[in-house]
Amino acid sequence: MNDTLLFLNLGGGEIVVVLLIVLLFFGSKKIPELARGLGRGIREFKDATSGVQREIEESMRDVPKKKEIKKPEPPSESQSR
């Protein structure tokens, strides 16, 4: 979380101001609903990404490995002229 705050260049005072604005804008009764919805959205996103990753890993295991391609043998040194 510190990396995010450093990226946004937010200090403690700015975070308090943002939280107060959110509180005034949405009201104290609406904030828990918003937090629950945000939590559900994050959880669904993580579930979807892990599902996609699992499918990719399974498909990688199911793909038959390519057989080694034999290199052509060099022509023999004794050639008739």
PDB file of N, CA and C in Angstrom:
ATOM      1  N   MET A   1       0.828  -1.182   0.000  1.00  0.00           N
ATOM      2  CA  MET A   1       0.000   0.000   0.000  1.00  0.00           C
ATOM      3  C   MET A   1       0.873   1.245   0.000  1.00  0.00           C
ATOM      4  N   ASN A   2       2.017   1.175   0.626  1.00  0.00           N
ATOM      5  CA  ASN A   2       2.910   2.327   0.646  1.00  0.00           C
ATOM      6  C   ASN A   2       3.368   2.693  -0.754  1.00  0.00           C
ATOM      7  N   ASP A   3       3.586   1.667  -1.601  1.00  0.00           N
ATOM      8  CA  ASP A   3       3.991   1.946  -2.976  1.00  0.00           C
ATOM      9  C   ASP A   3       2.913   2.734  -3.702  1.00  0.00           C
ATOM     10  N   THR A   4       1.653   2.386  -3.463  1.00  0.00           N
ATOM     11  CA  THR A   4       0.553   3.100  -4.105  1.00  0.00           C
ATOM     12  C   THR A   4       0.510   4.541  -3.633  1.00  0.00           C
ATOM     13  N   LEU A   5       0.665   4.732  -2.348  1.00  0.00           N
ATOM     14  CA  LEU A   5       0.629   6.094  -1.818  1.00  0.00           C
ATOM     15  C   LEU A   5       1.813   6.904  -2.322  1.00  0.00           C
ATOM     16  N   LEU A   6       2.973   6.267  -2.436  1.00  0.00           N
ATOM     17  CA  LEU A   6       4.129   6.978  -2.976  1.00  0.00           C
ATOM     18  C   LEU A   6       3.898   7.334  -4.438  1.00  0.00           C
ATOM     19  N   PHE A   7       3.278   6.411  -5.170  1.00  0.00           N
ATOM     20  CA  PHE A   7       3.003   6.656  -6.580  1.00  0.00           C
ATOM     21  C   PHE A   7       2.047   7.833  -6.739  1.00  0.00           C
ATOM     22  N   LEU A   8       1.038   7.895  -5.880  1.00  0.00           N
ATOM     23  CA  LEU A   8       0.060   8.972  -5.961  1.00  0.00           C
ATOM     24  C   LEU A   8       0.545  10.236  -5.280  1.00  0.00           C
ATOM     25  N   ASN A   9       1.655  10.141  -4.560  1.00  0.00           N
ATOM     26  CA  ASN A   9       2.234  11.287  -3.862  1.00  0.00           C
ATOM     27  C   ASN A   9       1.271  11.847  -2.821  1.00  0.00           C
ATOM     28  N   LEU A  10       0.582  10.951  -2.098  1.00  0.00           N
ATOM     29  CA  LEU A  10      -0.365  11.367  -1.074  1.00  0.00           C
ATOM     30  C   LEU A  10       0.270  11.233   0.303  1.00  0.00           C
ATOM     31  N   GLY A  11       0.106  12.251   1.112  1.00  0.00           N
ATOM     32  CA  GLY A  11       0.560  12.207   2.490  1.00  0.00           C
ATOM     33  C   GLY A  11      -0.617  11.959   3.413  1.00  0.00           C
ATOM     34  N   GLY A  12      -0.364  11.993   4.708  1.00  0.00           N
ATOM     35  CA  GLY A  12      -1.421  11.746   5.686  1.00  0.00           C
ATOM     36  C   GLY A  12      -2.530  12.779   5.627  1.00  0.00           C
ATOM     37  N   GLY A  13      -2.161  14.045   5.471  1.00  0.00           N
ATOM     38  CA  GLY A  13      -3.166  15.105   5.415  1.00  0.00           C
ATOM     39  C   GLY A  13      -4.076  14.984   4.213  1.00  0.00           C
ATOM     40  N   GLU A  14      -3.499  14.655   3.072  1.00  0.00           N
ATOM     41  CA  GLU A  14      -4.309  14.515   1.856  1.00  0.00           C
ATOM     42  C   GLU A  14      -5.273  13.343   1.966  1.00  0.00           C
ATOM     43  N   ILE A  15      -4.823  12.258   2.589  1.00  0.00           N
ATOM     44  CA  ILE A  15      -5.692  11.088   2.743  1.00  0.00           C
ATOM     45  C   ILE A  15      -6.885  11.437   3.632  1.00  0.00           C
ATOM     46  N   VAL A  16      -6.647  12.174   4.705  1.00  0.00           N
ATOM     47  CA  VAL A  16      -7.730  12.586   5.605  1.00  0.00           C
ATOM     48  C   VAL A  16      -8.727  13.463   4.860  1.00  0.00           C
ATOM     49  N   VAL A  17      -8.241  14.386   4.055  1.00  0.00           N
ATOM     50  CA  VAL A  17      -9.131  15.265   3.288  1.00  0.00           C
ATOM     51  C   VAL A  17      -9.971  14.452   2.308  1.00  0.00           C
ATOM     52  N   VAL A  18      -9.349  13.498   1.613  1.00  0.00           N
ATOM     53  CA  VAL A  18     -10.086  12.659   0.662  1.00  0.00           C
ATOM     54  C   VAL A  18     -11.148  11.852   1.396  1.00  0.00           C
ATOM     55  N   LEU A  19     -10.807  11.281   2.553  1.00  0.00           N
ATOM     56  CA  LEU A  19     -11.785  10.505   3.316  1.00  0.00           C
ATOM     57  C   LEU A  19     -12.944  11.374   3.799  1.00  0.00           C
ATOM     58  N   LEU A  20     -12.664  12.599   4.209  1.00  0.00           N
ATOM     59  CA  LEU A  20     -13.740  13.505   4.626  1.00  0.00           C
ATOM     60  C   LEU A  20     -14.656  13.863   3.461  1.00  0.00           C
ATOM     61  N   ILE A  21     -14.081  14.087   2.300  1.00  0.00           N
ATOM     62  CA  ILE A  21     -14.890  14.394   1.114  1.00  0.00           C
ATOM     63  C   ILE A  21     -15.773  13.206   0.759  1.00  0.00           C
ATOM     64  N   VAL A  22     -15.211  11.988   0.815  1.00  0.00           N
ATOM     65  CA  VAL A  22     -15.998  10.785   0.534  1.00  0.00           C
ATOM     66  C   VAL A  22     -17.123  10.657   1.551  1.00  0.00           C
ATOM     67  N   LEU A  23     -16.825  10.907   2.810  1.00  0.00           N
ATOM     68  CA  LEU A  23     -17.841  10.827   3.862  1.00  0.00           C
ATOM     69  C   LEU A  23     -18.964  11.829   3.619  1.00  0.00           C
ATOM     70  N   LEU A  24     -18.617  13.042   3.250  1.00  0.00           N
ATOM     71  CA  LEU A  24     -19.635  14.059   2.976  1.00  0.00           C
ATOM     72  C   LEU A  24     -20.435  13.734   1.719  1.00  0.00           C
ATOM     73  N   PHE A  25     -19.758  13.220   0.708  1.00  0.00           N
ATOM     74  CA  PHE A  25     -20.412  12.954  -0.566  1.00  0.00           C
ATOM     75  C   PHE A  25     -21.386  11.780  -0.468  1.00  0.00           C
ATOM     76  N   PHE A  26     -20.952  10.676   0.156  1.00  0.00           N
ATOM     77  CA  PHE A  26     -21.776   9.468   0.196  1.00  0.00           C
ATOM     78  C   PHE A  26     -22.564   9.315   1.486  1.00  0.00           C
ATOM     79  N   GLY A  27     -22.145   9.920   2.551  1.00  0.00           N
ATOM     80  CA  GLY A  27     -22.829   9.751   3.825  1.00  0.00           C
ATOM     81  C   GLY A  27     -22.327   8.522   4.555  1.00  0.00           C
ATOM     82  N   SER A  28     -22.517   8.534   5.859  1.00  0.00           N
ATOM     83  CA  SER A  28     -21.965   7.450   6.679  1.00  0.00           C
ATOM     84  C   SER A  28     -22.690   6.126   6.470  1.00  0.00           C
ATOM     85  N   LYS A  29     -23.936   6.148   6.029  1.00  0.00           N
ATOM     86  CA  LYS A  29     -24.684   4.903   5.829  1.00  0.00           C
ATOM     87  C   LYS A  29     -24.314   4.217   4.519  1.00  0.00           C
ATOM     88  N   LYS A  30     -23.905   4.961   3.545  1.00  0.00           N
ATOM     89  CA  LYS A  30     -23.625   4.408   2.223  1.00  0.00           C
ATOM     90  C   LYS A  30     -22.199   3.843   2.119  1.00  0.00           C
ATOM     91  N   ILE A  31     -21.276   4.325   2.936  1.00  0.00           N
ATOM     92  CA  ILE A  31     -19.874   3.913   2.833  1.00  0.00           C
ATOM     93  C   ILE A  31     -19.681   2.410   3.055  1.00  0.00           C
ATOM     94  N   PRO A  32     -20.313   1.781   4.078  1.00  0.00           N
ATOM     95  CA  PRO A  32     -20.136   0.327   4.228  1.00  0.00           C
ATOM     96  C   PRO A  32     -20.623  -0.458   3.010  1.00  0.00           C
ATOM     97  N   GLU A  33     -21.720  -0.003   2.400  1.00  0.00           N
ATOM     98  CA  GLU A  33     -22.210  -0.658   1.179  1.00  0.00           C
ATOM     99  C   GLU A  33     -21.186  -0.546   0.057  1.00  0.00           C
ATOM    100  N   LEU A  34     -20.630   0.630  -0.101  1.00  0.00           N
ATOM    101  CA  LEU A  34     -19.623   0.833  -1.138  1.00  0.00           C
ATOM    102  C   LEU A  34     -18.394  -0.032  -0.886  1.00  0.00           C
ATOM    103  N   ALA A  35     -17.980  -0.125   0.374  1.00  0.00           N
ATOM    104  CA  ALA A  35     -16.812  -0.942   0.713  1.00  0.00           C
ATOM    105  C   ALA A  35     -17.085  -2.417   0.436  1.00  0.00           C
ATOM    106  N   ARG A  36     -18.290  -2.896   0.771  1.00  0.00           N
ATOM    107  CA  ARG A  36     -18.646  -4.284   0.481  1.00  0.00           C
ATOM    108  C   ARG A  36     -18.649  -4.543  -1.017  1.00  0.00           C
ATOM    109  N   GLY A  37     -19.233  -3.629  -1.767  1.00  0.00           N
ATOM    110  CA  GLY A  37     -19.262  -3.782  -3.222  1.00  0.00           C
ATOM    111  C   GLY A  37     -17.869  -3.778  -3.816  1.00  0.00           C
ATOM    112  N   LEU A  38     -17.020  -2.909  -3.307  1.00  0.00           N
ATOM    113  CA  LEU A  38     -15.640  -2.870  -3.782  1.00  0.00           C
ATOM    114  C   LEU A  38     -14.922  -4.167  -3.448  1.00  0.00           C
ATOM    115  N   GLY A  39     -15.141  -4.687  -2.243  1.00  0.00           N
ATOM    116  CA  GLY A  39     -14.525  -5.955  -1.840  1.00  0.00           C
ATOM    117  C   GLY A  39     -14.991  -7.103  -2.713  1.00  0.00           C
ATOM    118  N   ARG A  40     -16.285  -7.145  -3.012  1.00  0.00           N
ATOM    119  CA  ARG A  40     -16.813  -8.196  -3.897  1.00  0.00           C
ATOM    120  C   ARG A  40     -16.208  -8.089  -5.289  1.00  0.00           C
ATOM    121  N   GLY A  41     -16.112  -6.872  -5.782  1.00  0.00           N
ATOM    122  CA  GLY A  41     -15.534  -6.679  -7.111  1.00  0.00           C
ATOM    123  C   GLY A  41     -14.087  -7.125  -7.176  1.00  0.00           C
ATOM    124  N   ILE A  42     -13.324  -6.790  -6.153  1.00  0.00           N
ATOM    125  CA  ILE A  42     -11.918  -7.206  -6.120  1.00  0.00           C
ATOM    126  C   ILE A  42     -11.821  -8.723  -6.041  1.00  0.00           C
ATOM    127  N   ARG A  43     -12.668  -9.350  -5.203  1.00  0.00           N
ATOM    128  CA  ARG A  43     -12.645 -10.807  -5.068  1.00  0.00           C
ATOM    129  C   ARG A  43     -13.016 -11.481  -6.389  1.00  0.00           C
ATOM    130  N   GLU A  44     -14.043 -10.980  -7.076  1.00  0.00           N
ATOM    131  CA  GLU A  44     -14.433 -11.553  -8.364  1.00  0.00           C
ATOM    132  C   GLU A  44     -13.317 -11.399  -9.391  1.00  0.00           C
ATOM    133  N   PHE A  45     -12.651 -10.263  -9.381  1.00  0.00           N
ATOM    134  CA  PHE A  45     -11.546 -10.043 -10.310  1.00  0.00           C
ATOM    135  C   PHE A  45     -10.413 -11.024 -10.036  1.00  0.00           C
ATOM    136  N   LYS A  46     -10.074 -11.221  -8.762  1.00  0.00           N
ATOM    137  CA  LYS A  46      -9.011 -12.171  -8.414  1.00  0.00           C
ATOM    138  C   LYS A  46      -9.405 -13.589  -8.798  1.00  0.00           C
ATOM    139  N   ASP A  47     -10.674 -13.961  -8.564  1.00  0.00           N
ATOM    140  CA  ASP A  47     -11.144 -15.291  -8.941  1.00  0.00           C
ATOM    141  C   ASP A  47     -11.058 -15.490 -10.446  1.00  0.00           C
ATOM    142  N   ALA A  48     -11.442 -14.472 -11.199  1.00  0.00           N
ATOM    143  CA  ALA A  48     -11.400 -14.578 -12.661  1.00  0.00           C
ATOM    144  C   ALA A  48      -9.962 -14.705 -13.154  1.00  0.00           C
ATOM    145  N   THR A  49      -9.056 -13.914 -12.595  1.00  0.00           N
ATOM    146  CA  THR A  49      -7.665 -13.994 -13.048  1.00  0.00           C
ATOM    147  C   THR A  49      -7.041 -15.328 -12.673  1.00  0.00           C
ATOM    148  N   SER A  50      -7.367 -15.852 -11.491  1.00  0.00           N
ATOM    149  CA  SER A  50      -6.809 -17.158 -11.121  1.00  0.00           C
ATOM    150  C   SER A  50      -7.417 -18.255 -11.990  1.00  0.00           C
ATOM    151  N   GLY A  51      -8.688 -18.120 -12.372  1.00  0.00           N
ATOM    152  CA  GLY A  51      -9.306 -19.095 -13.269  1.00  0.00           C
ATOM    153  C   GLY A  51      -8.657 -19.096 -14.637  1.00  0.00           C
ATOM    154  N   VAL A  52      -8.379 -17.927 -15.161  1.00  0.00           N
ATOM    155  CA  VAL A  52      -7.715 -17.833 -16.463  1.00  0.00           C
ATOM    156  C   VAL A  52      -6.312 -18.422 -16.372  1.00  0.00           C
ATOM    157  N   GLN A  53      -5.602 -18.113 -15.300  1.00  0.00           N
ATOM    158  CA  GLN A  53      -4.249 -18.642 -15.127  1.00  0.00           C
ATOM    159  C   GLN A  53      -4.286 -20.165 -15.035  1.00  0.00           C
ATOM    160  N   ARG A  54      -5.263 -20.714 -14.297  1.00  0.00           N
ATOM    161  CA  ARG A  54      -5.387 -22.162 -14.163  1.00  0.00           C
ATOM    162  C   ARG A  54      -5.680 -22.807 -15.517  1.00  0.00           C
ATOM    163  N   GLU A  55      -6.563 -22.195 -16.313  1.00  0.00           N
ATOM    164  CA  GLU A  55      -6.877 -22.738 -17.634  1.00  0.00           C
ATOM    165  C   GLU A  55      -5.653 -22.734 -18.541  1.00  0.00           C
ATOM    166  N   ILE A  56      -4.880 -21.675 -18.482  1.00  0.00           N
ATOM    167  CA  ILE A  56      -3.673 -21.597 -19.310  1.00  0.00           C
ATOM    168  C   ILE A  56      -2.689 -22.679 -18.899  1.00  0.00           C
ATOM    169  N   GLU A  57      -2.498 -22.860 -17.587  1.00  0.00           N
ATOM    170  CA  GLU A  57      -1.571 -23.884 -17.115  1.00  0.00           C
ATOM    171  C   GLU A  57      -2.035 -25.274 -17.514  1.00  0.00           C
ATOM    172  N   GLU A  58      -3.349 -25.541 -17.425  1.00  0.00           N
ATOM    173  CA  GLU A  58      -3.880 -26.843 -17.817  1.00  0.00           C
ATOM    174  C   GLU A  58      -3.703 -27.082 -19.308  1.00  0.00           C
ATOM    175  N   SER A  59      -3.941 -26.065 -20.110  1.00  0.00           N
ATOM    176  CA  SER A  59      -3.785 -26.243 -21.553  1.00  0.00           C
ATOM    177  C   SER A  59      -2.319 -26.437 -21.921  1.00  0.00           C
ATOM    178  N   MET A  60      -1.421 -25.828 -21.151  1.00  0.00           N
ATOM    179  CA  MET A  60       0.007 -26.026 -21.415  1.00  0.00           C
ATOM    180  C   MET A  60       0.403 -27.465 -21.108  1.00  0.00           C
ATOM    181  N   ARG A  61      -0.192 -28.061 -20.078  1.00  0.00           N
ATOM    182  CA  ARG A  61       0.120 -29.451 -19.740  1.00  0.00           C
ATOM    183  C   ARG A  61      -0.472 -30.410 -20.760  1.00  0.00           C
ATOM    184  N   ASP A  62      -1.621 -30.067 -21.334  1.00  0.00           N
ATOM    185  CA  ASP A  62      -2.306 -30.951 -22.268  1.00  0.00           C
ATOM    186  C   ASP A  62      -1.673 -30.958 -23.653  1.00  0.00           C
ATOM    187  N   VAL A  63      -0.948 -29.918 -24.009  1.00  0.00           N
ATOM    188  CA  VAL A  63      -0.340 -29.843 -25.333  1.00  0.00           C
ATOM    189  C   VAL A  63       0.786 -30.862 -25.405  1.00  0.00           C
ATOM    190  N   PRO A  64       0.735 -31.757 -26.406  1.00  0.00           N
ATOM    191  CA  PRO A  64       1.828 -32.733 -26.507  1.00  0.00           C
ATOM    192  C   PRO A  64       3.137 -32.025 -26.838  1.00  0.00           C
ATOM    193  N   LYS A  65       4.189 -32.518 -26.222  1.00  0.00           N
ATOM    194  CA  LYS A  65       5.488 -31.915 -26.480  1.00  0.00           C
ATOM    195  C   LYS A  65       5.942 -32.287 -27.882  1.00  0.00           C
ATOM    196  N   LYS A  66       6.556 -31.329 -28.532  1.00  0.00           N
ATOM    197  CA  LYS A  66       7.040 -31.577 -29.885  1.00  0.00           C
ATOM    198  C   LYS A  66       8.214 -32.543 -29.818  1.00  0.00           C
ATOM    199  N   LYS A  67       8.211 -33.469 -30.748  1.00  0.00           N
ATOM    200  CA  LYS A  67       9.332 -34.401 -30.807  1.00  0.00           C
ATOM    201  C   LYS A  67      10.539 -33.653 -31.334  1.00  0.00           C
ATOM    202  N   GLU A  68      11.666 -34.120 -30.895  1.00  0.00           N
ATOM    203  CA  GLU A  68      12.887 -33.478 -31.368  1.00  0.00           C
ATOM    204  C   GLU A  68      13.007 -33.693 -32.870  1.00  0.00           C
ATOM    205  N   ILE A  69      13.321 -32.643 -33.540  1.00  0.00           N
ATOM    206  CA  ILE A  69      13.488 -32.722 -34.985  1.00  0.00           C
ATOM    207  C   ILE A  69      14.908 -33.190 -35.250  1.00  0.00           C
ATOM    208  N   LYS A  70      15.008 -34.264 -36.002  1.00  0.00           N
ATOM    209  CA  LYS A  70      16.338 -34.780 -36.318  1.00  0.00           C
ATOM    210  C   LYS A  70      16.957 -33.908 -37.385  1.00  0.00           C
ATOM    211  N   LYS A  71      18.194 -33.563 -37.153  1.00  0.00           N
ATOM    212  CA  LYS A  71      18.910 -32.775 -38.145  1.00  0.00           C
ATOM    213  C   LYS A  71      19.322 -33.707 -39.277  1.00  0.00           C
ATOM    214  N   PRO A  72      19.254 -33.221 -40.499  1.00  0.00           N
ATOM    215  CA  PRO A  72      19.680 -34.077 -41.613  1.00  0.00           C
ATOM    216  C   PRO A  72      21.173 -34.386 -41.489  1.00  0.00           C
ATOM    217  N   GLU A  73      21.491 -35.615 -41.836  1.00  0.00           N
ATOM    218  CA  GLU A  73      22.897 -36.014 -41.763  1.00  0.00           C
ATOM    219  C   GLU A  73      23.668 -35.330 -42.877  1.00  0.00           C
ATOM    220  N   PRO A  74      24.881 -34.922 -42.587  1.00  0.00           N
ATOM    221  CA  PRO A  74      25.676 -34.278 -43.638  1.00  0.00           C
ATOM    222  C   PRO A  74      25.994 -35.284 -44.738  1.00  0.00           C
ATOM    223  N   PRO A  75      26.144 -34.817 -45.970  1.00  0.00           N
ATOM    224  CA  PRO A  75      26.457 -35.746 -47.067  1.00  0.00           C
ATOM    225  C   PRO A  75      27.807 -36.417 -46.811  1.00  0.00           C
ATOM    226  N   SER A  76      27.893 -37.640 -47.284  1.00  0.00           N
ATOM    227  CA  SER A  76      29.139 -38.388 -47.064  1.00  0.00           C
ATOM    228  C   SER A  76      30.275 -37.750 -47.861  1.00  0.00           C
ATOM    229  N   GLU A  77      31.474 -37.931 -47.372  1.00  0.00           N
ATOM    230  CA  GLU A  77      32.651 -37.317 -47.993  1.00  0.00           C
ATOM    231  C   GLU A  77      32.993 -37.957 -49.335  1.00  0.00           C
ATOM    232  N   SER A  78      32.685 -39.205 -49.495  1.00  0.00           N
ATOM    233  CA  SER A  78      33.044 -39.873 -50.757  1.00  0.00           C
ATOM    234  C   SER A  78      31.938 -39.667 -51.777  1.00  0.00           C
ATOM    235  N   GLN A  79      32.172 -38.761 -52.671  1.00  0.00           N
ATOM    236  CA  GLN A  79      31.225 -38.511 -53.747  1.00  0.00           C
ATOM    237  C   GLN A  79      31.902 -38.903 -55.055  1.00  0.00           C
ATOM    238  N   SER A  80      31.196 -39.564 -55.895  1.00  0.00           N
ATOM    239  CA  SER A  80      31.781 -39.975 -57.181  1.00  0.00           C
ATOM    240  C   SER A  80      31.801 -38.800 -58.132  1.00  0.00           C
ATOM    241  N   ARG A  81      32.919 -38.743 -58.930  1.00  0.00           N
ATOM    242  CA  ARG A  81      33.046 -37.651 -59.891  1.00  0.00           C
ATOM    243  C   ARG A  81      32.994 -38.148 -61.273  1.00  0.00           C
TER     244      ARG A  81
END
